[in-house]
N, C-alpha and C. Protein backbone atom coordinates (compact mmCIF):
# COMPACT_ATOMS: atom_id res chain seq x y z
N UNK A 1 130.48 94.09 109.14
CA UNK A 1 130.71 94.54 107.75
C UNK A 1 131.44 95.87 107.74
N UNK A 2 131.05 96.78 108.58
CA UNK A 2 131.71 98.06 108.61
C UNK A 2 132.90 98.14 109.54
N UNK A 3 133.19 97.06 110.22
CA UNK A 3 134.30 97.08 111.20
C UNK A 3 135.65 97.40 110.58
N UNK A 4 135.89 96.95 109.35
CA UNK A 4 137.20 97.23 108.71
C UNK A 4 137.30 98.65 108.16
N UNK A 5 136.21 99.19 107.71
CA UNK A 5 136.29 100.51 107.13
C UNK A 5 135.79 101.64 108.09
N UNK A 6 135.32 101.23 109.26
CA UNK A 6 134.80 102.18 110.23
C UNK A 6 135.87 103.21 110.65
N UNK A 7 137.11 102.82 110.89
CA UNK A 7 138.11 103.79 111.31
C UNK A 7 138.37 104.86 110.22
N UNK A 8 138.15 104.53 108.98
CA UNK A 8 138.38 105.51 107.89
C UNK A 8 137.24 106.47 107.70
N UNK A 9 136.07 106.12 108.23
CA UNK A 9 134.85 106.93 108.04
C UNK A 9 134.90 108.22 108.85
N UNK A 10 135.43 108.12 110.04
CA UNK A 10 135.49 109.28 110.94
C UNK A 10 134.14 109.84 111.20
N UNK A 11 133.93 111.14 110.94
CA UNK A 11 132.69 111.83 111.21
C UNK A 11 131.60 111.52 110.15
N UNK A 12 132.01 110.86 109.06
CA UNK A 12 131.01 110.60 107.98
C UNK A 12 130.18 109.34 108.25
N UNK A 13 130.42 108.67 109.37
CA UNK A 13 129.68 107.45 109.66
C UNK A 13 128.18 107.72 109.78
N UNK A 14 127.83 108.87 110.28
CA UNK A 14 126.40 109.22 110.39
C UNK A 14 125.75 109.26 109.04
N UNK A 15 126.45 109.73 108.00
CA UNK A 15 125.89 109.75 106.66
C UNK A 15 125.73 108.35 106.10
N UNK A 16 126.66 107.48 106.46
CA UNK A 16 126.56 106.09 106.02
C UNK A 16 125.32 105.43 106.61
N UNK A 17 125.08 105.64 107.88
CA UNK A 17 123.90 105.08 108.49
C UNK A 17 122.61 105.72 107.98
N UNK A 18 122.66 107.01 107.73
CA UNK A 18 121.51 107.69 107.12
C UNK A 18 121.19 107.13 105.74
N UNK A 19 122.22 106.87 104.95
CA UNK A 19 122.09 106.32 103.61
C UNK A 19 121.51 104.92 103.68
N UNK A 20 121.99 104.12 104.64
CA UNK A 20 121.48 102.75 104.78
C UNK A 20 119.96 102.81 105.18
N UNK A 21 119.64 103.70 106.05
CA UNK A 21 118.22 103.82 106.45
C UNK A 21 117.34 104.27 105.30
N UNK A 22 117.83 105.22 104.51
CA UNK A 22 117.07 105.70 103.35
C UNK A 22 116.92 104.58 102.30
N UNK A 23 117.98 103.82 102.10
CA UNK A 23 117.91 102.73 101.11
C UNK A 23 116.96 101.62 101.62
N UNK A 24 116.94 101.36 102.91
CA UNK A 24 116.01 100.33 103.45
C UNK A 24 114.57 100.80 103.33
N UNK A 25 114.34 102.06 103.67
CA UNK A 25 112.98 102.59 103.57
C UNK A 25 112.53 102.61 102.09
N UNK A 26 113.48 102.96 101.18
CA UNK A 26 113.15 102.92 99.76
C UNK A 26 112.88 101.52 99.24
N UNK A 27 113.57 100.57 99.80
CA UNK A 27 113.33 99.17 99.44
C UNK A 27 111.95 98.73 99.86
N UNK A 28 111.56 99.05 101.06
CA UNK A 28 110.23 98.74 101.54
C UNK A 28 109.16 99.41 100.70
N UNK A 29 109.42 100.70 100.37
CA UNK A 29 108.44 101.47 99.59
C UNK A 29 108.37 100.96 98.15
N UNK A 30 109.39 100.29 97.66
CA UNK A 30 109.33 99.73 96.31
C UNK A 30 108.62 98.40 96.25
N UNK A 31 108.61 97.66 97.33
CA UNK A 31 107.99 96.31 97.39
C UNK A 31 106.53 96.39 97.78
N UNK A 32 106.20 97.30 98.68
CA UNK A 32 104.83 97.36 99.22
C UNK A 32 103.76 97.59 98.15
N UNK A 33 103.97 98.36 97.09
CA UNK A 33 102.92 98.52 96.05
C UNK A 33 102.51 97.20 95.40
N UNK A 34 103.46 96.27 95.22
CA UNK A 34 103.10 94.98 94.66
C UNK A 34 102.16 94.19 95.59
N UNK A 35 102.41 94.30 96.88
CA UNK A 35 101.50 93.65 97.85
C UNK A 35 100.11 94.33 97.82
N UNK A 36 100.10 95.61 97.66
CA UNK A 36 98.82 96.32 97.61
C UNK A 36 98.02 95.95 96.35
N UNK A 37 98.72 95.77 95.20
CA UNK A 37 98.04 95.34 93.98
C UNK A 37 97.49 93.95 94.17
N UNK A 38 98.23 93.09 94.84
CA UNK A 38 97.75 91.72 95.14
C UNK A 38 96.50 91.82 95.99
N UNK A 39 96.48 92.72 96.97
CA UNK A 39 95.30 92.85 97.85
C UNK A 39 94.10 93.41 97.07
N UNK A 40 94.37 94.17 96.01
CA UNK A 40 93.26 94.66 95.18
C UNK A 40 92.71 93.54 94.27
N UNK A 41 93.59 92.75 93.68
CA UNK A 41 93.22 91.73 92.72
C UNK A 41 92.59 90.50 93.38
N UNK A 42 93.07 90.13 94.53
CA UNK A 42 92.61 88.87 95.19
C UNK A 42 91.10 88.84 95.40
N UNK A 43 90.45 89.88 95.98
CA UNK A 43 88.98 89.81 96.14
C UNK A 43 88.25 89.73 94.83
N UNK A 44 88.78 90.34 93.78
CA UNK A 44 88.13 90.30 92.50
C UNK A 44 88.16 88.88 91.90
N UNK A 45 89.26 88.18 92.10
CA UNK A 45 89.39 86.83 91.58
C UNK A 45 88.45 85.88 92.36
N UNK A 46 88.34 86.16 93.65
CA UNK A 46 87.51 85.29 94.50
C UNK A 46 86.00 85.59 94.34
N UNK A 47 85.65 86.60 93.55
CA UNK A 47 84.24 86.89 93.33
C UNK A 47 83.61 87.86 94.28
N UNK A 48 84.41 88.44 95.19
CA UNK A 48 83.88 89.38 96.17
C UNK A 48 83.74 90.74 95.48
N UNK A 49 82.97 91.65 96.14
CA UNK A 49 82.79 92.96 95.60
C UNK A 49 83.26 93.96 96.68
N UNK A 50 84.55 94.35 96.62
CA UNK A 50 85.01 95.30 97.60
C UNK A 50 84.41 96.71 97.38
N UNK A 51 84.39 97.48 98.42
CA UNK A 51 83.82 98.85 98.31
C UNK A 51 84.82 99.80 97.62
N UNK A 52 84.31 100.93 97.21
CA UNK A 52 85.14 101.91 96.54
C UNK A 52 86.17 102.47 97.49
N UNK A 53 85.86 102.53 98.77
CA UNK A 53 86.85 103.04 99.74
C UNK A 53 88.02 102.07 99.89
N UNK A 54 87.73 100.76 99.72
CA UNK A 54 88.77 99.74 99.75
C UNK A 54 89.79 100.01 98.66
N UNK A 55 89.29 100.26 97.44
CA UNK A 55 90.18 100.56 96.33
C UNK A 55 90.92 101.90 96.53
N UNK A 56 90.22 102.90 97.04
CA UNK A 56 90.82 104.23 97.22
C UNK A 56 91.92 104.16 98.24
N UNK A 57 91.74 103.45 99.31
CA UNK A 57 92.79 103.36 100.32
C UNK A 57 94.03 102.66 99.78
N UNK A 58 93.83 101.55 99.06
CA UNK A 58 94.94 100.82 98.52
C UNK A 58 95.69 101.62 97.44
N UNK A 59 94.96 102.32 96.60
CA UNK A 59 95.58 103.15 95.60
C UNK A 59 96.33 104.32 96.21
N UNK A 60 95.80 104.89 97.28
CA UNK A 60 96.49 105.97 98.02
C UNK A 60 97.80 105.43 98.61
N UNK A 61 97.74 104.24 99.21
CA UNK A 61 98.98 103.64 99.78
C UNK A 61 100.03 103.43 98.68
N UNK A 62 99.54 102.93 97.50
CA UNK A 62 100.49 102.72 96.37
C UNK A 62 101.13 104.05 95.97
N UNK A 63 100.32 105.10 95.89
CA UNK A 63 100.83 106.43 95.50
C UNK A 63 101.85 106.93 96.52
N UNK A 64 101.56 106.81 97.79
CA UNK A 64 102.48 107.24 98.83
C UNK A 64 103.80 106.43 98.77
N UNK A 65 103.67 105.14 98.60
CA UNK A 65 104.87 104.31 98.49
C UNK A 65 105.71 104.69 97.28
N UNK A 66 105.10 104.91 96.15
CA UNK A 66 105.88 105.29 94.96
C UNK A 66 106.54 106.66 95.17
N UNK A 67 105.84 107.60 95.82
CA UNK A 67 106.44 108.89 96.10
C UNK A 67 107.59 108.73 97.08
N UNK A 68 107.43 107.92 98.11
CA UNK A 68 108.52 107.72 99.06
C UNK A 68 109.70 107.05 98.39
N UNK A 69 109.42 106.08 97.51
CA UNK A 69 110.52 105.43 96.78
C UNK A 69 111.29 106.42 95.93
N UNK A 70 110.57 107.30 95.23
CA UNK A 70 111.21 108.31 94.39
C UNK A 70 112.09 109.26 95.23
N UNK A 71 111.60 109.62 96.37
CA UNK A 71 112.36 110.58 97.21
C UNK A 71 113.52 109.89 97.89
N UNK A 72 113.30 108.73 98.48
CA UNK A 72 114.32 108.11 99.33
C UNK A 72 115.35 107.33 98.52
N UNK A 73 114.93 106.67 97.50
CA UNK A 73 115.82 105.73 96.81
C UNK A 73 116.37 106.27 95.50
N UNK A 74 115.49 106.88 94.70
CA UNK A 74 115.96 107.36 93.39
C UNK A 74 116.56 108.77 93.54
N UNK A 75 115.83 109.68 94.11
CA UNK A 75 116.31 111.04 94.23
C UNK A 75 117.40 111.14 95.31
N UNK A 76 117.10 110.70 96.51
CA UNK A 76 118.04 110.57 97.58
C UNK A 76 119.01 111.71 97.75
N UNK A 77 120.29 111.40 97.88
CA UNK A 77 121.34 112.37 98.02
C UNK A 77 121.80 112.94 96.70
N UNK A 78 121.21 112.56 95.63
CA UNK A 78 121.62 113.05 94.29
C UNK A 78 120.91 114.33 93.90
N UNK A 79 120.26 114.99 94.83
CA UNK A 79 119.56 116.21 94.48
C UNK A 79 120.57 117.30 94.13
N UNK A 80 120.20 118.29 93.39
CA UNK A 80 121.13 119.34 93.01
C UNK A 80 121.73 120.07 94.21
N UNK A 81 121.05 120.14 95.31
CA UNK A 81 121.58 120.87 96.47
C UNK A 81 122.71 120.09 97.14
N UNK A 82 122.78 118.79 96.97
CA UNK A 82 123.84 117.99 97.60
C UNK A 82 125.00 117.62 96.69
N UNK A 83 124.89 117.96 95.45
CA UNK A 83 125.95 117.56 94.50
C UNK A 83 127.12 118.49 94.65
N UNK A 84 128.29 117.91 94.51
CA UNK A 84 129.54 118.65 94.51
C UNK A 84 129.91 119.02 93.07
N UNK A 85 130.20 120.26 92.85
CA UNK A 85 130.55 120.69 91.47
C UNK A 85 132.00 121.09 91.47
N UNK A 86 132.67 120.71 90.44
CA UNK A 86 134.09 121.09 90.28
C UNK A 86 134.18 122.01 89.07
N UNK A 87 135.11 122.86 89.10
CA UNK A 87 135.32 123.81 87.99
C UNK A 87 136.66 123.63 87.34
């Protein structure tokens, strides 16, 4: 995929790979909370009574994933410190 544009990237290729890694990690962090919600709901539907720590761990994982998604995928390289300003 990058073979045609790789010669034009020069020293910026490391930023391309870093961006791909950040996007992939953001993708995983955006999908994982849905799996965690499924893991919370499934025992309730089956009539089991999970412990409070079970819920706390899953909710903490959801929070960490949402935070990682916000940092890696939404905020990413668009932070004010990385933006180029023209005058």
